Amino acid sequence: MMLVIYALYFARSLTVPIATGIVLYLVLRPAVRYGHRYGIPSSLGAAGVMAAFLILLGLGTFFVMEPAKETALQTPMYLETVKEKLSFITARLKEVGKATERIAETTEAEDVGSLEESPVPVEIKQPAWAGNLTYLSGTGNVVTFFTISGVLLYFLLAHGDDLLLRIMKSLPDFTSRRRFLEVVQNVQEGLSSYLAQVTVINLGLGIAVGMAMWMLGMPSPMLWGAMAFAFNFIPIVGAIAGAAIVFVVALVNFEPTYYAFIVTATFLLLTSVEGQFITPSILGRSMSMNPVMVFLSISVWGWMWGMMGVFLSVPLLIAARMACERYEGLAPLGMILGADLPKEVASSVPATKAPKIDTGSPDRPG
C-alpha cells in the first residue's frame, strides 16, 4: 500500500494527467455512445465531442482570463487594504501579543542564572506540499499535462470499450468476467451520471452567483460565477474558499465595511441552498457521501497531487465506493465510504418499535 502511495506521489507528473483523462472520459463517454446509436463511428464521435469540449473550455477561459489576471495583479493591494480595514482585529491581537511578551519576560527573569545556549542555525525550506500547489505553473508541466490527458482522452473515447472487452476476455472464468463487467458498468454509469448532473448543477450555481454579484455591484461578476462553478466541484472546502475570496474582494471595493459581509453572506446562502437542497434532491441518497471521508479524500489527494488532486478527489472517492459495492470482501469498505447497507444486512437490523400503552377500553367497567 505504501509503495502505491509513494508511486502516485513521485510520479504525479504522469499519474495526474492519466487520472484527469480517465475522469473526463467518464463524463464525455455518454455523448459518444449516444452518437454511436445513430451510426456515427466512435473515432469520429470522439473527435467531435473533444472539439466541442475544447471550444467550450476555450470560450470560458477567454471570458474569465482577463478579469482573473487583473484580480491576481491587484492581490498585494487587496491584502494591504484588508489589513487596514481589519485593523481593529489586529490591534486586539497585538494586545494579546504584548501580554504574552510580559509573561515571557517574567519567566526569563527567573532563569537569569541559567547558562547561555549557543545559537542553533535554522534553514528554511519550502514545504513539499507548497510545490504541489504550483503543479501546472511551468510551461513544460502544462504542455505535458494537456498532451497526455488529451491524447489519452481521445483514445479512451474512441477505443475504450474495445479495450475493456479485451480485458474481460482475458480473465480465466465466467464468474470473474461477469464480476469485472458489473464493476466496470457500475463505476462508468454511476460516475458519469454523477459528474454530468453535478456539472449542470454547478453551472446553474455559477449563473446564480454571477447574477447575484452583478446585482450587488461586485466587479467582474462573471469571474465570481466561474469561480463558484469550478470550486463547487470540491465539496465543503470549495464553498469556504470561494466565500473567503469574495469577502476579501468585497471588503476592498465597498464602503461601509459591513457591506462585504452582506456580499459574502449572499454567496454562502446560494452555495448552502445548492448543497443542502438542490443537489440532494437531484442526486438522491444513492450518491450520498460521508463528509469525513470526503474531507480525508480531499486532504490526501491534495497532498499528493496539489490542486488537481483536490478537484479529482471526489470522483476518485465515488469510483472507489462503487467498485467496493460489487465485491463482497470490500463491501465493509464501501459502506465506510458511503454506500448503502446491503438488503440482507439492513433487514437483519431489528427495528425499534414504540412501546404500546394501554389506555383502557371504554367498555371496561371502571
Protein backbone atom coordinates (compact mmCIF):
# COMPACT_ATOMS: atom_id res chain seq x y z
CA MET A 1 0.00 0.00 0.00
CA MET A 2 2.79 2.42 0.90
CA LEU A 3 4.55 1.60 -2.36
CA VAL A 4 1.42 2.59 -4.28
CA ILE A 5 1.16 5.89 -2.37
CA TYR A 6 4.82 6.68 -2.99
CA ALA A 7 4.42 5.84 -6.67
CA LEU A 8 1.36 8.09 -7.01
CA TYR A 9 3.20 10.91 -5.24
CA PHE A 10 6.57 10.82 -7.00
CA ALA A 11 5.11 10.00 -10.44
CA ARG A 12 2.42 12.72 -10.25
CA SER A 13 3.66 14.33 -13.47
CA LEU A 14 2.36 11.17 -15.17
CA THR A 15 -0.42 9.95 -12.89
CA VAL A 16 -2.27 13.30 -12.65
CA PRO A 17 -2.91 13.69 -16.42
CA ILE A 18 -3.81 9.99 -16.67
CA ALA A 19 -6.38 10.31 -13.87
CA THR A 20 -7.72 13.52 -15.42
CA GLY A 21 -8.12 11.84 -18.81
CA ILE A 22 -9.99 8.90 -17.26
CA VAL A 23 -12.37 11.16 -15.32
CA LEU A 24 -13.09 13.28 -18.42
CA TYR A 25 -13.66 10.07 -20.38
CA LEU A 26 -16.35 9.01 -17.93
CA VAL A 27 -18.00 12.44 -18.26
CA LEU A 28 -17.93 12.59 -22.08
CA ARG A 29 -18.47 8.89 -22.84
CA PRO A 30 -22.32 9.06 -22.87
CA ALA A 31 -22.19 11.64 -25.69
CA VAL A 32 -20.01 9.35 -27.84
CA ARG A 33 -22.25 6.35 -27.18
CA TYR A 34 -25.33 8.42 -27.99
CA GLY A 35 -23.85 9.32 -31.38
CA HIS A 36 -22.86 5.69 -31.98
CA ARG A 37 -26.54 4.69 -31.78
CA TYR A 38 -27.18 6.87 -34.84
CA GLY A 39 -24.35 5.37 -36.85
CA ILE A 40 -21.58 7.85 -36.02
CA PRO A 41 -18.25 5.97 -35.72
CA SER A 42 -16.64 6.10 -32.31
CA SER A 43 -13.46 7.71 -33.65
CA LEU A 44 -15.42 10.48 -35.37
CA GLY A 45 -17.72 10.93 -32.38
CA ALA A 46 -14.73 11.15 -30.04
CA ALA A 47 -13.15 13.85 -32.20
CA GLY A 48 -16.41 15.82 -32.32
CA VAL A 49 -17.03 15.58 -28.58
CA MET A 50 -13.46 16.62 -27.78
CA ALA A 51 -13.68 19.55 -30.21
CA ALA A 52 -16.91 20.76 -28.60
CA PHE A 53 -15.40 20.35 -25.14
CA LEU A 54 -12.26 22.31 -26.07
CA ILE A 55 -14.33 25.09 -27.66
CA LEU A 56 -16.43 25.49 -24.51
CA LEU A 57 -13.31 25.38 -22.35
CA GLY A 58 -11.61 27.97 -24.54
CA LEU A 59 -14.60 30.31 -24.51
CA GLY A 60 -14.88 30.08 -20.74
CA THR A 61 -11.16 30.75 -20.34
CA PHE A 62 -11.33 33.70 -22.75
CA PHE A 63 -14.11 35.47 -20.86
CA VAL A 64 -12.62 34.80 -17.42
CA MET A 65 -8.89 35.19 -18.08
CA GLU A 66 -8.71 39.00 -18.25
CA PRO A 67 -10.63 39.75 -15.01
CA ALA A 68 -8.78 36.91 -13.29
CA LYS A 69 -5.44 38.39 -14.40
CA GLU A 70 -6.41 41.85 -13.16
CA THR A 71 -7.55 40.45 -9.82
CA ALA A 72 -4.31 38.49 -9.42
CA LEU A 73 -2.18 41.59 -10.17
CA GLN A 74 -4.10 43.59 -7.57
CA THR A 75 -3.72 40.93 -4.86
CA PRO A 76 -0.98 42.82 -2.90
CA MET A 77 -3.15 45.95 -2.85
CA TYR A 78 -6.15 43.89 -1.78
CA LEU A 79 -4.24 42.37 1.14
CA GLU A 80 -2.97 45.78 2.27
CA THR A 81 -6.48 47.24 2.17
CA VAL A 82 -7.90 44.28 4.08
CA LYS A 83 -5.18 44.74 6.69
CA GLU A 84 -6.17 48.39 7.15
CA LYS A 85 -9.91 47.72 7.33
CA LEU A 86 -9.46 44.90 9.82
CA SER A 87 -7.01 46.88 11.93
CA PHE A 88 -9.39 46.76 14.90
CA ILE A 89 -8.90 42.98 14.99
CA THR A 90 -5.12 43.17 14.61
CA ALA A 91 -5.00 45.76 17.41
CA ARG A 92 -6.64 43.26 19.75
CA LEU A 93 -4.16 40.59 18.66
CA LYS A 94 -1.26 42.97 19.36
CA GLU A 95 -2.55 43.47 22.89
CA VAL A 96 -2.59 39.71 23.38
CA GLY A 97 0.95 39.55 21.99
CA LYS A 98 2.19 42.21 24.42
CA ALA A 99 0.66 40.33 27.33
CA THR A 100 2.43 37.17 26.16
CA GLU A 101 5.73 39.05 25.94
CA ARG A 102 5.35 40.30 29.51
CA ILE A 103 4.79 36.75 30.71
CA ALA A 104 7.85 35.61 28.76
CA GLU A 105 10.00 38.39 30.27
CA THR A 106 8.93 37.36 33.75
CA THR A 107 9.92 33.77 33.01
CA GLU A 108 13.31 34.86 31.66
CA ALA A 109 13.99 36.92 34.78
CA GLU A 110 13.53 33.81 36.89
CA ASP A 111 16.09 31.94 34.78
CA VAL A 112 18.90 34.55 34.93
CA GLY A 113 21.35 32.07 36.41
CA SER A 114 20.99 29.62 33.54
CA LEU A 115 23.87 29.18 31.09
CA GLU A 116 23.73 30.88 27.73
CA GLU A 117 22.99 28.49 24.92
CA SER A 118 24.79 28.70 21.61
CA PRO A 119 22.54 29.73 18.71
CA VAL A 120 21.23 26.93 16.51
CA PRO A 121 21.36 27.58 12.76
CA VAL A 122 17.94 27.31 11.14
CA GLU A 123 17.44 26.51 7.46
CA ILE A 124 14.07 27.48 6.00
CA LYS A 125 12.84 25.23 3.21
CA GLN A 126 9.70 25.30 1.14
CA PRO A 127 7.36 22.51 2.29
CA ALA A 128 6.76 19.71 -0.16
CA TRP A 129 3.04 20.39 -0.44
CA ALA A 130 3.72 24.00 -1.49
CA GLY A 131 5.40 22.74 -4.62
CA ASN A 132 2.36 20.61 -5.40
CA LEU A 133 0.09 23.66 -5.40
CA THR A 134 2.04 25.03 -8.37
CA TYR A 135 1.95 21.78 -10.32
CA LEU A 136 0.80 23.49 -13.54
CA SER A 137 2.81 26.68 -13.08
CA GLY A 138 5.60 25.79 -15.51
CA THR A 139 5.14 25.78 -19.28
CA GLY A 140 6.62 22.29 -19.55
CA ASN A 141 4.20 20.92 -16.97
CA VAL A 142 1.22 22.48 -18.76
CA VAL A 143 2.25 21.06 -22.15
CA THR A 144 2.88 17.61 -20.66
CA PHE A 145 -0.40 17.64 -18.78
CA PHE A 146 -2.58 18.62 -21.76
CA THR A 147 -0.72 16.33 -24.16
CA ILE A 148 -1.03 13.19 -22.03
CA SER A 149 -4.58 13.82 -20.81
CA GLY A 150 -5.82 14.94 -24.26
CA VAL A 151 -4.35 12.03 -26.22
CA LEU A 152 -5.47 9.51 -23.59
CA LEU A 153 -8.97 11.03 -23.56
CA TYR A 154 -9.33 10.68 -27.33
CA PHE A 155 -8.19 7.05 -27.41
CA LEU A 156 -10.41 6.14 -24.47
CA LEU A 157 -13.44 7.72 -26.14
CA ALA A 158 -12.65 6.08 -29.48
CA HIS A 159 -11.43 2.64 -28.35
CA GLY A 160 -12.15 2.38 -24.61
CA ASP A 161 -14.98 -0.14 -24.96
CA ASP A 162 -12.82 -2.40 -27.13
CA LEU A 163 -10.04 -2.30 -24.53
CA LEU A 164 -12.44 -3.25 -21.74
CA LEU A 165 -13.79 -6.12 -23.84
CA ARG A 166 -10.29 -7.49 -24.38
CA ILE A 167 -9.51 -7.26 -20.66
CA MET A 168 -12.73 -9.09 -19.83
CA LYS A 169 -11.97 -11.90 -22.31
CA SER A 170 -8.52 -12.34 -20.77
CA LEU A 171 -10.00 -13.31 -17.39
CA PRO A 172 -9.93 -17.06 -16.59
CA ASP A 173 -13.58 -17.93 -15.87
CA PHE A 174 -17.14 -16.74 -16.40
CA THR A 175 -17.62 -15.61 -12.79
CA SER A 176 -14.57 -13.33 -12.95
CA ARG A 177 -15.70 -11.90 -16.28
CA ARG A 178 -19.20 -11.20 -15.01
CA ARG A 179 -17.89 -9.57 -11.83
CA PHE A 180 -15.44 -7.43 -13.82
CA LEU A 181 -18.21 -6.34 -16.18
CA GLU A 182 -20.51 -5.45 -13.26
CA VAL A 183 -17.81 -3.38 -11.56
CA VAL A 184 -16.89 -1.53 -14.76
CA GLN A 185 -20.51 -0.79 -15.64
CA ASN A 186 -21.32 0.29 -12.09
CA VAL A 187 -18.36 2.70 -11.97
CA GLN A 188 -18.80 4.03 -15.51
CA GLU A 189 -22.54 4.60 -15.38
CA GLY A 190 -22.66 5.87 -11.81
CA LEU A 191 -19.66 8.19 -12.02
CA SER A 192 -20.53 9.57 -15.45
CA SER A 193 -24.11 10.22 -14.30
CA TYR A 194 -22.86 11.88 -11.11
CA LEU A 195 -20.34 14.13 -12.89
CA ALA A 196 -22.81 15.10 -15.61
CA GLN A 197 -25.51 16.05 -13.09
CA VAL A 198 -23.06 17.89 -10.83
CA THR A 199 -21.71 19.81 -13.83
CA VAL A 200 -25.22 21.01 -14.69
CA ILE A 201 -25.93 21.89 -11.05
CA ASN A 202 -22.66 23.81 -10.75
CA LEU A 203 -23.40 25.63 -13.99
CA GLY A 204 -26.71 26.79 -12.54
CA LEU A 205 -24.96 27.82 -9.31
CA GLY A 206 -22.36 29.76 -11.30
CA ILE A 207 -25.07 31.65 -13.19
CA ALA A 208 -26.93 32.42 -9.95
CA VAL A 209 -23.76 33.62 -8.20
CA GLY A 210 -22.77 35.74 -11.21
CA MET A 211 -26.20 37.38 -11.32
CA ALA A 212 -26.18 37.99 -7.56
CA MET A 213 -22.69 39.52 -7.63
CA TRP A 214 -23.75 41.75 -10.54
CA MET A 215 -26.84 42.94 -8.64
CA LEU A 216 -24.72 43.66 -5.55
CA GLY A 217 -22.22 45.70 -7.58
CA MET A 218 -19.23 43.36 -7.36
CA PRO A 219 -16.56 43.96 -10.04
CA SER A 220 -16.18 41.21 -12.69
CA PRO A 221 -19.33 39.25 -11.74
CA MET A 222 -18.62 36.68 -14.47
CA LEU A 223 -15.36 35.80 -12.72
CA TRP A 224 -17.14 35.01 -9.45
CA GLY A 225 -19.73 32.91 -11.26
CA ALA A 226 -16.95 30.92 -12.94
CA MET A 227 -15.19 30.56 -9.61
CA ALA A 228 -18.37 29.25 -7.96
CA PHE A 229 -18.81 26.77 -10.84
CA ALA A 230 -15.25 25.43 -10.51
CA PHE A 231 -14.95 25.48 -6.71
CA ASN A 232 -18.26 23.69 -6.23
CA PHE A 233 -16.71 20.51 -7.61
CA ILE A 234 -14.88 20.44 -4.25
CA PRO A 235 -17.50 19.77 -1.54
CA ILE A 236 -17.29 21.75 1.70
CA VAL A 237 -13.82 23.21 1.07
CA GLY A 238 -14.79 24.86 -2.23
CA ALA A 239 -17.60 26.93 -0.74
CA ILE A 240 -15.42 28.09 2.16
CA ALA A 241 -12.53 29.07 -0.12
CA GLY A 242 -14.87 30.87 -2.52
CA ALA A 243 -16.53 32.80 0.31
CA ALA A 244 -13.13 33.88 1.65
CA ILE A 245 -12.06 35.23 -1.75
CA VAL A 246 -15.37 37.03 -2.28
CA PHE A 247 -15.10 38.57 1.20
CA VAL A 248 -11.60 39.95 0.52
CA VAL A 249 -12.61 41.49 -2.83
CA ALA A 250 -15.84 42.93 -1.40
CA LEU A 251 -14.01 44.36 1.59
CA VAL A 252 -11.64 46.22 -0.74
CA ASN A 253 -14.29 47.54 -3.11
CA PHE A 254 -17.14 48.57 -0.81
CA GLU A 255 -17.82 51.05 1.96
CA PRO A 256 -19.00 50.68 4.66
CA THR A 257 -17.23 47.52 5.78
CA TYR A 258 -20.38 45.65 6.75
CA TYR A 259 -21.46 45.53 3.07
CA ALA A 260 -18.68 42.99 2.47
CA PHE A 261 -20.39 40.70 4.97
CA ILE A 262 -23.68 41.07 3.06
CA VAL A 263 -21.99 40.07 -0.21
CA THR A 264 -20.28 37.10 1.43
CA ALA A 265 -23.50 36.01 3.14
CA THR A 266 -25.27 36.08 -0.23
CA PHE A 267 -22.57 33.85 -1.73
CA LEU A 268 -22.80 31.41 1.19
CA LEU A 269 -26.61 31.42 1.02
CA LEU A 270 -26.60 30.37 -2.63
CA THR A 271 -23.99 27.64 -2.08
CA SER A 272 -25.85 26.40 1.02
CA VAL A 273 -29.19 26.16 -0.81
CA GLU A 274 -27.46 24.25 -3.60
CA GLY A 275 -25.61 21.92 -1.23
CA GLN A 276 -28.43 21.24 1.23
CA PHE A 277 -31.50 21.12 -1.03
CA ILE A 278 -30.87 21.14 -4.78
CA THR A 279 -28.03 18.62 -5.08
CA PRO A 280 -29.52 16.03 -2.66
CA SER A 281 -32.92 16.23 -4.37
CA ILE A 282 -31.38 15.63 -7.81
CA LEU A 283 -28.70 13.06 -6.97
CA GLY A 284 -30.71 11.24 -4.31
CA ARG A 285 -29.48 9.06 -1.47
CA SER A 286 -27.58 6.68 -3.77
CA MET A 287 -24.91 9.33 -4.35
CA SER A 288 -24.60 10.48 -0.74
CA MET A 289 -21.08 10.55 0.69
CA ASN A 290 -19.67 10.50 4.18
CA PRO A 291 -18.44 14.08 4.91
CA VAL A 292 -15.49 12.74 6.93
CA MET A 293 -14.34 10.56 4.03
CA VAL A 294 -14.83 13.46 1.60
CA PHE A 295 -12.59 15.68 3.71
CA LEU A 296 -9.95 12.96 4.09
CA SER A 297 -10.03 12.28 0.34
CA ILE A 298 -9.55 15.98 -0.41
CA SER A 299 -6.67 16.16 2.08
CA VAL A 300 -4.85 13.04 0.85
CA TRP A 301 -5.19 13.66 -2.88
CA GLY A 302 -4.45 17.35 -2.40
CA TRP A 303 -1.25 16.46 -0.56
CA MET A 304 -0.16 14.04 -3.28
CA TRP A 305 -1.27 15.89 -6.42
CA GLY A 306 -1.84 19.50 -5.39
CA MET A 307 -4.85 21.42 -6.71
CA MET A 308 -5.55 18.85 -9.43
CA GLY A 309 -5.73 16.22 -6.70
CA VAL A 310 -8.27 18.35 -4.84
CA PHE A 311 -10.51 18.51 -7.92
CA LEU A 312 -10.12 14.79 -8.65
CA SER A 313 -10.57 13.65 -5.04
CA VAL A 314 -14.36 13.30 -5.05
CA PRO A 315 -14.64 11.45 -8.41
CA LEU A 316 -11.92 9.05 -7.24
CA LEU A 317 -13.75 8.53 -3.94
CA ILE A 318 -17.02 7.78 -5.73
CA ALA A 319 -15.30 5.36 -8.12
CA ALA A 320 -13.72 3.51 -5.20
CA ARG A 321 -17.06 3.32 -3.39
CA MET A 322 -18.88 1.95 -6.43
CA ALA A 323 -16.17 -0.62 -7.10
CA CYS A 324 -16.33 -1.83 -3.50
CA GLU A 325 -20.11 -2.28 -3.72
CA ARG A 326 -19.70 -5.16 -6.19
CA TYR A 327 -17.17 -7.18 -4.17
CA GLU A 328 -18.36 -8.95 -1.01
CA GLY A 329 -14.91 -8.77 0.56
CA LEU A 330 -14.77 -4.99 0.04
CA ALA A 331 -18.40 -4.29 1.00
CA PRO A 332 -17.47 -3.05 4.52
CA LEU A 333 -15.04 -0.55 2.99
CA GLY A 334 -17.75 0.54 0.57
CA MET A 335 -20.14 1.17 3.47
CA ILE A 336 -17.49 3.26 5.23
CA LEU A 337 -17.10 5.32 2.06
CA GLY A 338 -20.87 5.96 1.98
CA ALA A 339 -22.53 3.00 0.26
CA ASP A 340 -25.94 1.80 1.46
CA LEU A 341 -26.22 -1.30 3.61
CA PRO A 342 -26.97 -4.49 1.63
CA LYS A 343 -30.61 -5.54 1.78
CA GLU A 344 -29.86 -8.70 3.74
CA VAL A 345 -27.87 -6.70 6.31
CA ALA A 346 -30.45 -3.94 6.56
CA SER A 347 -33.27 -6.47 7.02
CA SER A 348 -31.36 -8.19 9.84
CA VAL A 349 -31.12 -4.98 11.88
CA PRO A 350 -34.03 -5.00 14.37
CA ALA A 351 -36.31 -2.02 14.06
CA THR A 352 -37.07 -0.03 17.17
CA LYS A 353 -40.76 -0.04 17.97
CA ALA A 354 -42.59 2.35 20.23
CA PRO A 355 -43.95 0.68 23.39
CA LYS A 356 -47.67 0.05 23.47
CA ILE A 357 -49.54 1.96 26.14
CA ASP A 358 -52.78 0.54 27.46
CA THR A 359 -55.12 3.49 27.76
CA GLY A 360 -58.03 1.34 28.78
CA SER A 361 -61.15 0.36 26.88
CA PRO A 362 -64.31 2.43 27.02
CA ASP A 363 -66.29 -0.80 27.51
CA ARG A 364 -64.23 -1.84 30.53
CA PRO A 365 -66.09 -1.22 33.78
CA GLY A 366 -64.49 1.41 35.97
